[in-house]
Protein backbone atom coordinates (compact mmCIF):
# COMPACT_ATOMS: atom_id res chain seq x y z
CA UNK A 1 30.46 -9.59 3.55
CA UNK A 2 29.36 -7.02 6.14
CA UNK A 3 31.27 -8.89 8.84
CA UNK A 4 31.52 -5.63 10.79
CA UNK A 5 27.77 -5.86 11.43
CA UNK A 6 26.47 -8.28 14.03
CA UNK A 7 23.47 -10.51 13.40
CA UNK A 8 21.24 -8.27 15.52
CA UNK A 9 22.43 -5.17 13.67
CA UNK A 10 21.64 -6.80 10.33
CA UNK A 11 18.21 -7.76 11.63
CA UNK A 12 17.54 -4.12 12.52
CA UNK A 13 18.80 -2.96 9.10
CA UNK A 14 16.50 -5.42 7.35
CA UNK A 15 13.53 -4.42 9.47
CA UNK A 16 14.16 -0.82 8.43
CA UNK A 17 14.44 -1.85 4.76
CA UNK A 18 11.29 -3.97 5.11
CA UNK A 19 9.39 -0.94 6.42
CA UNK A 20 10.71 1.28 3.61
CA UNK A 21 9.83 -1.26 0.90
CA UNK A 22 6.27 -1.61 2.18
CA UNK A 23 5.89 2.16 2.32
CA UNK A 24 7.16 2.55 -1.25
CA UNK A 25 4.80 -0.17 -2.46
CA UNK A 26 1.76 1.55 -0.99
CA UNK A 27 2.53 4.92 -2.51
CA UNK A 28 3.62 3.42 -5.86
CA UNK A 29 0.62 1.16 -6.38
CA UNK A 30 -2.04 3.40 -4.83
CA UNK A 31 -2.89 5.31 -8.00
CA UNK A 32 -3.34 2.19 -10.16
CA UNK A 33 -5.55 0.65 -7.48
CA UNK A 34 -7.47 3.91 -7.28
CA UNK A 35 -7.89 4.03 -11.05
CA UNK A 36 -9.43 0.56 -10.95
CA UNK A 37 -11.77 1.61 -8.16
CA UNK A 38 -12.92 4.67 -10.10
CA UNK A 39 -13.18 3.45 -13.69
CA UNK A 40 -16.74 2.02 -13.51
CA UNK A 41 -18.01 5.28 -12.01
CA UNK A 42 -16.27 8.05 -13.95
CA UNK A 43 -15.63 6.49 -17.37
CA UNK A 44 -18.74 7.34 -19.40
CA UNK A 45 -17.69 5.40 -22.50
CA UNK A 46 -14.97 3.26 -24.04
CA UNK A 47 -12.82 6.29 -24.93
CA UNK A 48 -12.69 7.51 -21.33
CA UNK A 49 -12.06 3.99 -20.07
CA UNK A 50 -9.11 3.67 -22.42
CA UNK A 51 -7.77 7.02 -21.18
CA UNK A 52 -7.79 5.74 -17.60
CA UNK A 53 -6.34 2.37 -18.60
CA UNK A 54 -3.56 4.02 -20.62
CA UNK A 55 -2.69 6.32 -17.72
CA UNK A 56 -1.75 3.36 -15.49
CA UNK A 57 -0.95 0.61 -18.02
CA UNK A 58 2.79 1.29 -18.39
CA UNK A 59 3.33 1.55 -14.62
CA UNK A 60 1.20 -0.85 -12.59
CA UNK A 61 3.33 -3.94 -13.30
CA UNK A 62 6.54 -2.16 -12.34
CA UNK A 63 4.92 -0.85 -9.18
CA UNK A 64 4.11 -4.40 -8.10
CA UNK A 65 7.83 -5.14 -8.06
CA UNK A 66 7.81 -3.46 -4.64
CA UNK A 67 5.18 -5.89 -3.41
CA UNK A 68 7.32 -8.77 -4.66
CA UNK A 69 10.34 -7.25 -2.91
CA UNK A 70 8.35 -6.92 0.32
CA UNK A 71 7.10 -10.52 0.17
CA UNK A 72 10.45 -11.89 -1.00
CA UNK A 73 12.33 -9.87 1.59
CA UNK A 74 10.07 -11.23 4.33
CA UNK A 75 10.58 -14.80 3.10
CA UNK A 76 14.37 -14.54 2.92
CA UNK A 77 15.19 -12.17 5.78
CA UNK A 78 12.47 -13.23 8.25
CA UNK A 79 11.35 -16.74 7.21
CA UNK A 80 9.67 -17.47 10.54
CA UNK A 81 7.41 -14.43 10.09
CA UNK A 82 6.62 -15.44 6.51
CA UNK A 83 5.59 -18.96 7.52
CA UNK A 84 3.55 -17.81 10.51
CA UNK A 85 1.87 -15.04 8.55
CA UNK A 86 0.64 -17.41 5.87
CA UNK A 87 -0.47 -19.86 8.54
CA UNK A 88 -2.30 -17.34 10.71
CA UNK A 89 -3.72 -15.29 7.83
CA UNK A 90 -4.18 -17.92 5.15
CA UNK A 91 -7.64 -16.81 4.02
CA UNK A 92 -6.82 -13.06 3.91
CA UNK A 93 -3.63 -13.83 1.98
CA UNK A 94 -5.65 -15.90 -0.50
CA UNK A 95 -8.09 -13.00 -0.92
CA UNK A 96 -5.12 -10.72 -1.58
CA UNK A 97 -3.75 -13.08 -4.24
CA UNK A 98 -7.18 -13.35 -5.87
CA UNK A 99 -7.41 -9.56 -5.94
CA UNK A 100 -3.95 -9.21 -7.49
CA UNK A 101 -4.74 -11.80 -10.16
CA UNK A 102 -8.13 -10.27 -10.96
CA UNK A 103 -6.64 -6.79 -11.20
CA UNK A 104 -3.77 -7.94 -13.44
CA UNK A 105 -5.93 -9.92 -15.86
CA UNK A 106 -8.57 -7.20 -16.08
CA UNK A 107 -6.31 -4.21 -16.67
CA UNK A 108 -4.24 -6.01 -19.30
CA UNK A 109 -7.08 -7.66 -21.24
CA UNK A 110 -9.67 -4.89 -20.97
CA UNK A 111 -8.81 -3.54 -24.42
CA UNK A 112 -8.26 -6.89 -26.13
CA UNK A 113 -11.89 -7.59 -27.07
CA UNK A 114 -14.59 -5.24 -28.36
CA UNK A 115 -17.44 -7.32 -26.95
CA UNK A 116 -19.29 -4.93 -24.58
CA UNK A 117 -20.14 -7.71 -22.13
CA UNK A 118 -16.52 -8.81 -21.88
CA UNK A 119 -15.41 -5.21 -21.44
CA UNK A 120 -17.97 -4.69 -18.67
CA UNK A 121 -16.91 -7.92 -16.97
CA UNK A 122 -13.21 -6.97 -17.06
CA UNK A 123 -13.90 -3.41 -15.94
CA UNK A 124 -15.74 -4.67 -12.87
CA UNK A 125 -13.01 -7.29 -12.40
CA UNK A 126 -10.50 -4.44 -12.25
CA UNK A 127 -12.69 -2.73 -9.67
CA UNK A 128 -13.16 -5.87 -7.56
CA UNK A 129 -9.47 -6.77 -7.66
CA UNK A 130 -8.41 -3.24 -6.69
CA UNK A 131 -10.95 -3.17 -3.86
CA UNK A 132 -9.79 -6.53 -2.50
CA UNK A 133 -6.10 -5.55 -2.58
CA UNK A 134 -6.51 -2.15 -0.91
CA UNK A 135 -9.08 -3.33 1.65
CA UNK A 136 -7.29 -6.55 2.63
CA UNK A 137 -3.95 -4.78 3.02
CA UNK A 138 -5.55 -2.03 5.12
CA UNK A 139 -7.22 -4.57 7.39
CA UNK A 140 -4.09 -6.75 7.57
CA UNK A 141 -1.76 -3.92 8.55
CA UNK A 142 -4.19 -2.68 11.20
CA UNK A 143 -4.08 -6.15 12.74
CA UNK A 144 -0.27 -6.10 12.61
CA UNK A 145 -0.29 -2.76 14.42
CA UNK A 146 -2.90 -3.86 16.98
CA UNK A 147 -1.52 -7.36 17.38
CA UNK A 148 -2.74 -10.82 16.41
CA UNK A 149 -4.14 -13.27 18.95
CA UNK A 150 -0.90 -15.21 19.32
CA UNK A 151 -0.75 -17.31 22.49
CA UNK A 152 2.09 -19.14 24.21
CA UNK A 153 4.12 -21.36 21.90
CA UNK A 154 3.15 -19.38 18.82
CA UNK A 155 -0.38 -20.77 18.76
CA UNK A 156 -2.84 -18.56 16.88
CA UNK A 157 -6.20 -18.16 18.65
CA UNK A 158 -7.79 -15.69 16.25
CA UNK A 159 -10.62 -16.17 13.77
CA UNK A 160 -11.37 -14.63 10.38
CA UNK A 161 -14.29 -12.48 11.67
CA UNK A 162 -12.06 -11.34 14.54
CA UNK A 163 -9.72 -9.68 12.05
CA UNK A 164 -12.48 -7.28 10.99
CA UNK A 165 -12.87 -5.30 14.21
CA UNK A 166 -13.64 -1.55 14.28
CA UNK A 167 -9.98 -0.52 14.14
CA UNK A 168 -9.25 -2.82 11.18
CA UNK A 169 -12.32 -1.61 9.29
CA UNK A 170 -11.38 2.04 9.82
CA UNK A 171 -7.89 1.25 8.51
CA UNK A 172 -9.31 -0.69 5.56
CA UNK A 173 -11.62 2.17 4.58
CA UNK A 174 -8.75 4.66 5.00
CA UNK A 175 -6.50 2.63 2.68
CA UNK A 176 -9.30 2.43 0.09
CA UNK A 177 -9.97 6.18 0.31
CA UNK A 178 -6.26 7.00 -0.01
CA UNK A 179 -6.08 4.80 -3.11
CA UNK A 180 -9.20 6.43 -4.55
CA UNK A 181 -7.71 9.89 -3.95
CA UNK A 182 -4.40 8.89 -5.53
CA UNK A 183 -6.23 7.43 -8.51
CA UNK A 184 -8.45 10.48 -8.98
CA UNK A 185 -5.56 12.91 -8.80
CA UNK A 186 -3.41 10.76 -11.09
CA UNK A 187 -6.19 10.63 -13.69
CA UNK A 188 -6.58 14.39 -13.38
CA UNK A 189 -2.85 14.86 -13.94
CA UNK A 190 -2.38 12.31 -16.73
CA UNK A 191 -5.52 12.73 -18.85
CA UNK A 192 -7.36 15.45 -20.71
CA UNK A 193 -11.02 16.19 -21.28
CA UNK A 194 -14.17 15.27 -19.39
CA UNK A 195 -12.71 12.32 -17.47
CA UNK A 196 -9.92 14.51 -16.06
CA UNK A 197 -12.46 17.09 -14.89
CA UNK A 198 -14.63 14.43 -13.23
CA UNK A 199 -11.61 12.93 -11.50
CA UNK A 200 -10.52 16.35 -10.23
CA UNK A 201 -13.96 17.09 -8.78
CA UNK A 202 -14.09 13.70 -7.08
CA UNK A 203 -10.60 14.17 -5.61
CA UNK A 204 -11.75 17.29 -3.74
CA UNK A 205 -14.30 15.19 -1.86
CA UNK A 206 -12.18 12.07 -1.35
CA UNK A 207 -9.18 14.08 -0.08
CA UNK A 208 -11.39 15.56 2.64
CA UNK A 209 -12.62 12.08 3.58
CA UNK A 210 -9.01 10.89 3.78
CA UNK A 211 -8.21 13.67 6.24
CA UNK A 212 -11.23 12.81 8.41
CA UNK A 213 -10.51 9.08 8.44
CA UNK A 214 -6.77 9.66 9.03
CA UNK A 215 -7.58 11.71 12.14
CA UNK A 216 -10.00 9.05 13.39
CA UNK A 217 -7.51 6.26 12.64
CA UNK A 218 -4.63 8.02 14.43
CA UNK A 219 -6.78 8.92 17.43
CA UNK A 220 -7.92 5.30 17.70
CA UNK A 221 -4.33 4.06 17.31
CA UNK A 222 -2.90 6.15 20.13
CA UNK A 223 -5.90 6.00 22.46
CA UNK A 224 -7.43 2.62 21.76
CA UNK A 225 -4.60 0.26 20.71
CA UNK A 226 -2.63 -1.08 23.64
CA UNK A 227 1.12 -0.54 23.28
CA UNK A 228 0.85 1.54 20.11
CA UNK A 229 2.43 4.60 21.75
CA UNK A 230 5.18 2.72 23.65
CA UNK A 231 7.93 3.35 21.09
CA UNK A 232 6.72 6.91 20.61
CA UNK A 233 7.07 7.58 24.33
CA UNK A 234 10.61 6.23 24.41
CA UNK A 235 11.58 8.03 21.18
CA UNK A 236 9.48 11.23 20.84
CA UNK A 237 10.98 12.04 17.42
CA UNK A 238 8.68 9.32 16.04
CA UNK A 239 5.72 11.64 16.62
CA UNK A 240 6.87 13.36 13.44
CA UNK A 241 5.43 10.44 11.47
CA UNK A 242 1.74 10.98 12.40
CA UNK A 243 2.24 14.75 12.28
CA UNK A 244 3.60 14.51 8.74
CA UNK A 245 0.77 12.14 7.80
CA UNK A 246 -1.85 14.64 8.93
CA UNK A 247 0.12 17.45 7.29
CA UNK A 248 0.16 15.58 4.00
CA UNK A 249 -3.60 14.96 4.19
CA UNK A 250 -4.25 18.64 4.95
CA UNK A 251 -2.08 19.76 2.04
CA UNK A 252 -3.81 17.28 -0.25
CA UNK A 253 -7.18 18.85 0.61
CA UNK A 254 -5.77 22.37 0.15
CA UNK A 255 -4.16 21.71 -3.24
CA UNK A 256 -7.13 19.68 -4.51
CA UNK A 257 -9.49 22.57 -3.68
CA UNK A 258 -7.15 24.92 -5.55
CA UNK A 259 -7.16 22.65 -8.61
CA UNK A 260 -3.43 21.89 -8.29
CA UNK A 261 -3.60 18.16 -8.92
CA UNK A 262 0.07 17.23 -8.92
CA UNK A 263 0.95 18.80 -5.53
CA UNK A 264 -2.26 17.31 -4.14
CA UNK A 265 -1.25 13.90 -5.52
CA UNK A 266 2.23 14.10 -3.95
CA UNK A 267 0.76 15.27 -0.62
CA UNK A 268 -1.67 12.33 -0.55
CA UNK A 269 1.20 9.92 -1.24
CA UNK A 270 3.17 11.42 1.66
CA UNK A 271 0.16 11.01 3.95
CA UNK A 272 -0.15 7.38 2.86
CA UNK A 273 3.58 6.77 3.41
CA UNK A 274 3.66 8.24 6.91
CA UNK A 275 0.45 6.48 7.98
CA UNK A 276 2.07 3.14 7.09
CA UNK A 277 5.48 3.98 8.56
CA UNK A 278 3.90 5.36 11.72
CA UNK A 279 2.17 2.04 12.31
CA UNK A 280 5.27 -0.01 11.54
CA UNK A 281 7.32 2.14 13.92
CA UNK A 282 4.90 1.22 16.71
CA UNK A 283 5.51 -2.55 16.50
CA UNK A 284 9.34 -2.60 16.71
CA UNK A 285 11.05 -4.91 17.67
CA UNK A 286 8.14 -7.20 16.81
CA UNK A 287 7.04 -8.16 13.32
CA UNK A 288 4.09 -10.21 14.52
CA UNK A 289 2.83 -8.51 17.63
CA UNK A 290 0.67 -10.46 20.10
CA UNK A 291 -2.48 -8.81 21.44
CA UNK A 292 -2.60 -11.38 24.25
CA UNK A 293 0.82 -10.72 25.75
CA UNK A 294 3.95 -9.06 24.29
CA UNK A 295 6.23 -12.00 25.06
CA UNK A 296 4.16 -14.23 22.77
CA UNK A 297 4.94 -12.06 19.74
CA UNK A 298 7.66 -12.80 17.20
CA UNK A 299 10.44 -10.23 17.18
CA UNK A 300 12.93 -9.46 14.43
CA UNK A 301 15.87 -11.11 16.23
CA UNK A 302 14.04 -14.39 16.69
CA UNK A 303 12.68 -14.35 13.15
CA UNK A 304 15.80 -13.26 11.25
CA UNK A 305 17.78 -15.53 8.95
CA UNK A 306 21.45 -16.32 9.42
CA UNK A 307 24.16 -13.69 9.34
CA UNK A 308 25.35 -14.90 5.93
CA UNK A 309 21.85 -14.81 4.43
CA UNK A 310 21.18 -11.30 5.70
CA UNK A 311 24.59 -10.12 4.48
CA UNK A 312 24.24 -11.56 0.96
CA UNK A 313 20.72 -10.15 0.66
CA UNK A 314 21.85 -6.73 1.82
CA UNK A 315 24.57 -6.73 -0.82
CA UNK A 316 22.04 -7.72 -3.47
CA UNK A 317 19.60 -5.04 -2.32
CA UNK A 318 22.26 -2.35 -2.50
CA UNK A 319 22.90 -3.30 -6.14
CA UNK A 320 19.45 -4.13 -7.53
CA UNK A 321 17.11 -1.75 -5.68
CA UNK A 322 18.77 1.33 -7.24
CA UNK A 323 18.42 -0.35 -10.65
CA UNK A 324 14.69 -0.82 -10.04
CA UNK A 325 14.36 2.82 -8.97
CA UNK A 326 16.27 4.09 -12.03
CA UNK A 327 14.19 1.93 -14.37
CA UNK A 328 10.91 3.14 -12.87
CA UNK A 329 11.96 6.78 -13.01
CA UNK A 330 12.90 6.25 -16.67
CA UNK A 331 9.48 4.69 -17.35
CA UNK A 332 7.68 7.65 -15.78
CA UNK A 333 9.79 9.98 -17.91
CA UNK A 334 9.15 7.99 -21.08
CA UNK A 335 5.36 8.03 -20.61
CA UNK A 336 5.07 11.55 -19.23
CA UNK A 337 2.64 12.92 -21.85
CA UNK A 338 -1.01 13.44 -21.03
CA UNK A 339 -3.44 10.83 -22.38
CA UNK A 340 -5.79 12.31 -24.92
CA UNK A 341 -9.17 10.90 -25.94
CA UNK A 342 -8.47 7.95 -28.21
CA UNK A 343 -9.99 4.64 -29.28
CA UNK A 344 -6.69 2.80 -28.91
CA UNK A 345 -4.39 1.81 -26.07
CA UNK A 346 -1.03 3.30 -26.91
CA UNK A 347 1.42 1.61 -24.57
């Protein structure tokens, strides 16, 4: 299968697919993370909380399929990267898993018990889990873009506090703000009444903050991160990625100010997508870039699985990824109605 492709060609194809899958995950899951971040602050009562919960309930689990695909694809296509990543970043990965578990339990069990204390606990669990996921991923990807302290022989010299430098924190805050904006605009699109109005007003402010932080993040990336612009210099067409990211952020601000929530939502997703892809484009051919010296990094050709493994996986991806996309589009069509004020979860 795919014998006409060499091992190196398959490695490049899988790196491209890996980048696409991560980008799709971020834009797909951003609004459910944002809803969790916003619920304690804009839901005035149980009815409004149920509106927010119902707006994301049918979708968040399906959206996490993309995270599973990204992790599974890394494990199967680039096993060396997977093993090193969980060795170097064990504590951040554990925080990510804790956040995912807390978010999943909270959003699914929030409506199962009428005890106000339990509801408050689960609501804040949803918030904490969403914050952990968005913040940890923002910090982690900034470190991937900047490079980890990988020394000769694949020895990791970094520390946990060292992962939270200025660049990583800016990226983490940007990812949180983009999720908040997606969540606010999604709530504005999918719900009716007071909670929709509050979400729309908040989105006008958060979209502007996203634009500001995106500009700061991109300026820092190109001016302050060594080697970030190398691929851009050799392939100037890549500059379209940050340009489109800024363009998406600008359009999100414009449409949010005009009260056009759905175009603003789509524009924010595009900004999120191109921010992520712009960073991933900067690290090629490395998947784990070294901040100490480039030759100490792990590139896609060194990390890739065998030709047969990559071929079989590519065949499976060509069959099952379209099925996932069709299913998710069907789910969004099935639950397309606005969520009215109700005392019951209706999904």
